[in-house]
C-alpha cells in the first residue's frame, strides 16, 4: 500500500486527527522551549530541539501533502 492511499484512508478517522493534533502540539512545545534560556545556552539541548522541530515539521508536511 502506498503512503498516499493509507493517509487518504486515515484522513477521515477521528483518531488519526488526534494524532496529528498531538504532533502539532509537541512541535509548538519545542518552539516554546527555544524561549527558555536554559535550553538556548546548552548547544546539545538546542541541537536536540532543532532536530525535534525538523522531524515534526517534516511529518506534518508529509501528512499535509498526501491528504491535500
PDB file of N, CA and C in Angstrom:
ATOM      1  N   UNK A   1       0.852  -1.172   0.000  1.00  0.00           N
ATOM      2  CA  UNK A   1       0.000   0.000   0.000  1.00  0.00           C
ATOM      3  C   UNK A   1       0.898   1.236   0.000  1.00  0.00           C
ATOM      4  N   UNK A   2       0.510   2.218  -0.773  1.00  0.00           N
ATOM      5  CA  UNK A   2       1.258   3.464  -0.830  1.00  0.00           C
ATOM      6  C   UNK A   2       0.857   4.378   0.324  1.00  0.00           C
ATOM      7  N   UNK A   3       1.784   5.241   0.693  1.00  0.00           N
ATOM      8  CA  UNK A   3       1.530   6.164   1.791  1.00  0.00           C
ATOM      9  C   UNK A   3       0.336   7.059   1.493  1.00  0.00           C
ATOM     10  N   UNK A   4       0.226   7.545   0.283  1.00  0.00           N
ATOM     11  CA  UNK A   4      -0.889   8.433  -0.062  1.00  0.00           C
ATOM     12  C   UNK A   4      -2.239   7.750   0.127  1.00  0.00           C
ATOM     13  N   UNK A   5      -2.314   6.460  -0.214  1.00  0.00           N
ATOM     14  CA  UNK A   5      -3.555   5.702  -0.043  1.00  0.00           C
ATOM     15  C   UNK A   5      -3.854   5.518   1.439  1.00  0.00           C
ATOM     16  N   UNK A   6      -2.837   5.138   2.197  1.00  0.00           N
ATOM     17  CA  UNK A   6      -3.027   4.927   3.640  1.00  0.00           C
ATOM     18  C   UNK A   6      -3.460   6.209   4.328  1.00  0.00           C
ATOM     19  N   UNK A   7      -2.806   7.324   3.999  1.00  0.00           N
ATOM     20  CA  UNK A   7      -3.162   8.599   4.626  1.00  0.00           C
ATOM     21  C   UNK A   7      -4.541   9.073   4.191  1.00  0.00           C
ATOM     22  N   UNK A   8      -4.908   8.798   2.958  1.00  0.00           N
ATOM     23  CA  UNK A   8      -6.248   9.165   2.489  1.00  0.00           C
ATOM     24  C   UNK A   8      -7.310   8.412   3.286  1.00  0.00           C
ATOM     25  N   UNK A   9      -7.036   7.162   3.572  1.00  0.00           N
ATOM     26  CA  UNK A   9      -7.992   6.367   4.355  1.00  0.00           C
ATOM     27  C   UNK A   9      -8.023   6.812   5.811  1.00  0.00           C
ATOM     28  N   UNK A  10      -6.874   7.178   6.328  1.00  0.00           N
ATOM     29  CA  UNK A  10      -6.809   7.612   7.724  1.00  0.00           C
ATOM     30  C   UNK A  10      -7.280   9.043   7.919  1.00  0.00           C
ATOM     31  N   UNK A  11      -7.228   9.838   6.865  1.00  0.00           N
ATOM     32  CA  UNK A  11      -7.530  11.263   6.962  1.00  0.00           C
ATOM     33  C   UNK A  11      -8.875  11.578   7.570  1.00  0.00           C
ATOM     34  N   UNK A  12      -9.864  10.733   7.350  1.00  0.00           N
ATOM     35  CA  UNK A  12     -11.199  10.996   7.895  1.00  0.00           C
ATOM     36  C   UNK A  12     -11.407  10.372   9.274  1.00  0.00           C
ATOM     37  N   UNK A  13     -10.422   9.664   9.761  1.00  0.00           N
ATOM     38  CA  UNK A  13     -10.534   8.984  11.051  1.00  0.00           C
ATOM     39  C   UNK A  13     -10.270   9.959  12.195  1.00  0.00           C
ATOM     40  N   UNK A  14     -11.158   9.990  13.184  1.00  0.00           N
ATOM     41  CA  UNK A  14     -11.012  10.923  14.306  1.00  0.00           C
ATOM     42  C   UNK A  14      -9.774  10.623  15.153  1.00  0.00           C
ATOM     43  N   UNK A  15      -9.371   9.366  15.210  1.00  0.00           N
ATOM     44  CA  UNK A  15      -8.184   9.005  15.971  1.00  0.00           C
ATOM     45  C   UNK A  15      -6.916   9.523  15.283  1.00  0.00           C
ATOM     46  N   UNK A  16      -6.896   9.433  13.959  1.00  0.00           N
ATOM     47  CA  UNK A  16      -5.767   9.963  13.215  1.00  0.00           C
ATOM     48  C   UNK A  16      -5.677  11.471  13.387  1.00  0.00           C
ATOM     49  N   UNK A  17      -6.812  12.144  13.387  1.00  0.00           N
ATOM     50  CA  UNK A  17      -6.837  13.595  13.610  1.00  0.00           C
ATOM     51  C   UNK A  17      -6.268  13.929  14.986  1.00  0.00           C
ATOM     52  N   UNK A  18      -6.534  13.098  15.972  1.00  0.00           N
ATOM     53  CA  UNK A  18      -5.990  13.322  17.316  1.00  0.00           C
ATOM     54  C   UNK A  18      -4.475  13.163  17.320  1.00  0.00           C
ATOM     55  N   UNK A  19      -3.974  12.208  16.553  1.00  0.00           N
ATOM     56  CA  UNK A  19      -2.522  12.007  16.453  1.00  0.00           C
ATOM     57  C   UNK A  19      -1.871  13.220  15.796  1.00  0.00           C
ATOM     58  N   UNK A  20      -2.473  13.724  14.735  1.00  0.00           N
ATOM     59  CA  UNK A  20      -1.935  14.898  14.049  1.00  0.00           C
ATOM     60  C   UNK A  20      -1.935  16.103  14.993  1.00  0.00           C
ATOM     61  N   UNK A  21      -2.988  16.284  15.752  1.00  0.00           N
ATOM     62  CA  UNK A  21      -3.044  17.392  16.708  1.00  0.00           C
ATOM     63  C   UNK A  21      -1.977  17.247  17.791  1.00  0.00           C
ATOM     64  N   UNK A  22      -1.726  16.020  18.217  1.00  0.00           N
ATOM     65  CA  UNK A  22      -0.677  15.786  19.203  1.00  0.00           C
ATOM     66  C   UNK A  22       0.689  16.179  18.646  1.00  0.00           C
ATOM     67  N   UNK A  23       0.964  15.790  17.409  1.00  0.00           N
ATOM     68  CA  UNK A  23       2.242  16.136  16.778  1.00  0.00           C
ATOM     69  C   UNK A  23       2.375  17.656  16.680  1.00  0.00           C
ATOM     70  N   UNK A  24       1.291  18.335  16.316  1.00  0.00           N
ATOM     71  CA  UNK A  24       1.317  19.800  16.240  1.00  0.00           C
ATOM     72  C   UNK A  24       1.587  20.421  17.607  1.00  0.00           C
ATOM     73  N   UNK A  25       0.970  19.889  18.644  1.00  0.00           N
ATOM     74  CA  UNK A  25       1.177  20.454  19.985  1.00  0.00           C
ATOM     75  C   UNK A  25       2.598  20.202  20.480  1.00  0.00           C
ATOM     76  N   UNK A  26       3.161  19.046  20.149  1.00  0.00           N
ATOM     77  CA  UNK A  26       4.544  18.762  20.533  1.00  0.00           C
ATOM     78  C   UNK A  26       5.519  19.683  19.797  1.00  0.00           C
ATOM     79  N   UNK A  27       5.233  19.971  18.542  1.00  0.00           N
ATOM     80  CA  UNK A  27       6.050  20.908  17.778  1.00  0.00           C
ATOM     81  C   UNK A  27       6.004  22.288  18.421  1.00  0.00           C
ATOM     82  N   UNK A  28       4.814  22.716  18.811  1.00  0.00           N
ATOM     83  CA  UNK A  28       4.661  24.016  19.469  1.00  0.00           C
ATOM     84  C   UNK A  28       5.397  24.042  20.808  1.00  0.00           C
ATOM     85  N   UNK A  29       5.354  22.926  21.539  1.00  0.00           N
ATOM     86  CA  UNK A  29       6.064  22.847  22.819  1.00  0.00           C
ATOM     87  C   UNK A  29       7.559  23.043  22.605  1.00  0.00           C
ATOM     88  N   UNK A  30       8.087  22.428  21.566  1.00  0.00           N
ATOM     89  CA  UNK A  30       9.512  22.584  21.256  1.00  0.00           C
ATOM     90  C   UNK A  30       9.839  24.029  20.884  1.00  0.00           C
ATOM     91  N   UNK A  31       8.955  24.662  20.128  1.00  0.00           N
ATOM     92  CA  UNK A  31       9.178  26.062  19.760  1.00  0.00           C
ATOM     93  C   UNK A  31       9.185  26.963  20.990  1.00  0.00           C
ATOM     94  N   UNK A  32       8.329  26.673  21.938  1.00  0.00           N
ATOM     95  CA  UNK A  32       8.295  27.444  23.189  1.00  0.00           C
ATOM     96  C   UNK A  32       9.584  27.221  23.977  1.00  0.00           C
ATOM     97  N   UNK A  33      10.107  26.005  23.929  1.00  0.00           N
ATOM     98  CA  UNK A  33      11.351  25.709  24.643  1.00  0.00           C
ATOM     99  C   UNK A  33      12.524  26.533  24.119  1.00  0.00           C
ATOM    100  N   UNK A  34      12.448  26.987  22.857  1.00  0.00           N
ATOM    101  CA  UNK A  34      13.502  27.856  22.324  1.00  0.00           C
ATOM    102  C   UNK A  34      13.582  29.170  23.097  1.00  0.00           C
ATOM    103  N   UNK A  35      12.499  29.545  23.745  1.00  0.00           N
ATOM    104  CA  UNK A  35      12.477  30.781  24.523  1.00  0.00           C
ATOM    105  C   UNK A  35      13.029  30.586  25.933  1.00  0.00           C
ATOM    106  N   UNK A  36      13.260  29.348  26.309  1.00  0.00           N
ATOM    107  CA  UNK A  36      13.800  29.018  27.618  1.00  0.00           C
ATOM    108  C   UNK A  36      15.326  29.205  27.590  1.00  0.00           C
ATOM    109  N   UNK A  37      15.834  30.098  28.413  1.00  0.00           N
ATOM    110  CA  UNK A  37      17.272  30.389  28.403  1.00  0.00           C
ATOM    111  C   UNK A  37      18.131  29.180  28.727  1.00  0.00           C
ATOM    112  N   UNK A  38      17.653  28.293  29.584  1.00  0.00           N
ATOM    113  CA  UNK A  38      18.424  27.093  29.914  1.00  0.00           C
ATOM    114  C   UNK A  38      18.655  26.227  28.680  1.00  0.00           C
ATOM    115  N   UNK A  39      17.666  26.161  27.816  1.00  0.00           N
ATOM    116  CA  UNK A  39      17.789  25.348  26.612  1.00  0.00           C
ATOM    117  C   UNK A  39      18.710  26.014  25.587  1.00  0.00           C
ATOM    118  N   UNK A  40      18.550  27.300  25.419  1.00  0.00           N
ATOM    119  CA  UNK A  40      19.309  28.016  24.397  1.00  0.00           C
ATOM    120  C   UNK A  40      20.796  28.082  24.740  1.00  0.00           C
ATOM    121  N   UNK A  41      21.124  28.097  26.015  1.00  0.00           N
ATOM    122  CA  UNK A  41      22.526  28.196  26.430  1.00  0.00           C
ATOM    123  C   UNK A  41      23.284  26.881  26.286  1.00  0.00           C
ATOM    124  N   UNK A  42      22.578  25.790  26.138  1.00  0.00           N
ATOM    125  CA  UNK A  42      23.218  24.477  26.020  1.00  0.00           C
ATOM    126  C   UNK A  42      23.170  24.025  24.551  1.00  0.00           C
ATOM    127  N   UNK A  43      24.328  23.937  23.904  1.00  0.00           N
ATOM    128  CA  UNK A  43      24.343  23.560  22.480  1.00  0.00           C
ATOM    129  C   UNK A  43      23.686  22.206  22.199  1.00  0.00           C
ATOM    130  N   UNK A  44      23.863  21.245  23.090  1.00  0.00           N
ATOM    131  CA  UNK A  44      23.263  19.930  22.857  1.00  0.00           C
ATOM    132  C   UNK A  44      21.739  19.997  22.935  1.00  0.00           C
ATOM    133  N   UNK A  45      21.231  20.761  23.890  1.00  0.00           N
ATOM    134  CA  UNK A  45      19.782  20.910  24.031  1.00  0.00           C
ATOM    135  C   UNK A  45      19.208  21.653  22.830  1.00  0.00           C
ATOM    136  N   UNK A  46      19.922  22.650  22.369  1.00  0.00           N
ATOM    137  CA  UNK A  46      19.477  23.414  21.211  1.00  0.00           C
ATOM    138  C   UNK A  46      19.458  22.538  19.957  1.00  0.00           C
ATOM    139  N   UNK A  47      20.483  21.734  19.788  1.00  0.00           N
ATOM    140  CA  UNK A  47      20.541  20.823  18.643  1.00  0.00           C
ATOM    141  C   UNK A  47      19.406  19.792  18.719  1.00  0.00           C
ATOM    142  N   UNK A  48      19.133  19.308  19.915  1.00  0.00           N
ATOM    143  CA  UNK A  48      18.043  18.356  20.108  1.00  0.00           C
ATOM    144  C   UNK A  48      16.707  18.987  19.712  1.00  0.00           C
ATOM    145  N   UNK A  49      16.470  20.210  20.190  1.00  0.00           N
ATOM    146  CA  UNK A  49      15.227  20.898  19.856  1.00  0.00           C
ATOM    147  C   UNK A  49      15.104  21.124  18.353  1.00  0.00           C
ATOM    148  N   UNK A  50      16.181  21.529  17.736  1.00  0.00           N
ATOM    149  CA  UNK A  50      16.167  21.756  16.288  1.00  0.00           C
ATOM    150  C   UNK A  50      15.822  20.461  15.547  1.00  0.00           C
ATOM    151  N   UNK A  51      16.388  19.363  15.989  1.00  0.00           N
ATOM    152  CA  UNK A  51      16.084  18.073  15.370  1.00  0.00           C
ATOM    153  C   UNK A  51      14.640  17.654  15.582  1.00  0.00           C
ATOM    154  N   UNK A  52      14.136  17.874  16.772  1.00  0.00           N
ATOM    155  CA  UNK A  52      12.745  17.542  17.071  1.00  0.00           C
ATOM    156  C   UNK A  52      11.793  18.363  16.202  1.00  0.00           C
ATOM    157  N   UNK A  53      12.037  19.651  16.136  1.00  0.00           N
ATOM    158  CA  UNK A  53      11.171  20.529  15.349  1.00  0.00           C
ATOM    159  C   UNK A  53      11.234  20.145  13.879  1.00  0.00           C
ATOM    160  N   UNK A  54      12.422  19.862  13.378  1.00  0.00           N
ATOM    161  CA  UNK A  54      12.565  19.453  11.977  1.00  0.00           C
ATOM    162  C   UNK A  54      11.795  18.165  11.704  1.00  0.00           C
ATOM    163  N   UNK A  55      11.864  17.218  12.623  1.00  0.00           N
ATOM    164  CA  UNK A  55      11.150  15.947  12.443  1.00  0.00           C
ATOM    165  C   UNK A  55       9.639  16.163  12.453  1.00  0.00           C
ATOM    166  N   UNK A  56       9.154  16.963  13.395  1.00  0.00           N
ATOM    167  CA  UNK A  56       7.716  17.251  13.447  1.00  0.00           C
ATOM    168  C   UNK A  56       7.271  17.994  12.191  1.00  0.00           C
ATOM    169  N   UNK A  57       8.054  18.969  11.749  1.00  0.00           N
ATOM    170  CA  UNK A  57       7.723  19.720  10.536  1.00  0.00           C
ATOM    171  C   UNK A  57       7.641  18.801   9.326  1.00  0.00           C
ATOM    172  N   UNK A  58       8.625  17.925   9.214  1.00  0.00           N
ATOM    173  CA  UNK A  58       8.654  17.008   8.068  1.00  0.00           C
ATOM    174  C   UNK A  58       7.443  16.081   8.093  1.00  0.00           C
ATOM    175  N   UNK A  59       7.129  15.538   9.245  1.00  0.00           N
ATOM    176  CA  UNK A  59       5.978  14.648   9.373  1.00  0.00           C
ATOM    177  C   UNK A  59       4.682  15.372   9.022  1.00  0.00           C
ATOM    178  N   UNK A  60       4.507  16.575   9.556  1.00  0.00           N
ATOM    179  CA  UNK A  60       3.296  17.338   9.270  1.00  0.00           C
ATOM    180  C   UNK A  60       3.208  17.718   7.791  1.00  0.00           C
ATOM    181  N   UNK A  61       4.337  18.031   7.186  1.00  0.00           N
ATOM    182  CA  UNK A  61       4.335  18.374   5.763  1.00  0.00           C
ATOM    183  C   UNK A  61       3.958  17.161   4.921  1.00  0.00           C
ATOM    184  N   UNK A  62       4.501  16.014   5.249  1.00  0.00           N
ATOM    185  CA  UNK A  62       4.162  14.789   4.504  1.00  0.00           C
ATOM    186  C   UNK A  62       2.668  14.490   4.623  1.00  0.00           C
ATOM    187  N   UNK A  63       2.155  14.571   5.826  1.00  0.00           N
ATOM    188  CA  UNK A  63       0.718  14.302   6.037  1.00  0.00           C
ATOM    189  C   UNK A  63      -0.117  15.314   5.265  1.00  0.00           C
ATOM    190  N   UNK A  64       0.265  16.582   5.333  1.00  0.00           N
ATOM    191  CA  UNK A  64      -0.489  17.624   4.632  1.00  0.00           C
ATOM    192  C   UNK A  64      -0.423  17.429   3.115  1.00  0.00           C
ATOM    193  N   UNK A  65       0.759  17.145   2.600  1.00  0.00           N
ATOM    194  CA  UNK A  65       0.923  16.947   1.152  1.00  0.00           C
ATOM    195  C   UNK A  65       0.134  15.750   0.647  1.00  0.00           C
ATOM    196  N   UNK A  66       0.103  14.692   1.430  1.00  0.00           N
ATOM    197  CA  UNK A  66      -0.547  13.464   0.988  1.00  0.00           C
ATOM    198  C   UNK A  66      -2.063  13.499   1.157  1.00  0.00           C
ATOM    199  N   UNK A  67      -2.555  14.340   2.063  1.00  0.00           N
ATOM    200  CA  UNK A  67      -4.003  14.397   2.291  1.00  0.00           C
ATOM    201  C   UNK A  67      -4.656  15.554   1.564  1.00  0.00           C
ATOM    202  N   UNK A  68      -3.852  16.424   0.964  1.00  0.00           N
ATOM    203  CA  UNK A  68      -4.418  17.571   0.228  1.00  0.00           C
ATOM    204  C   UNK A  68      -4.771  17.200  -1.190  1.00  0.00           C
TER     205      UNK A  68
END
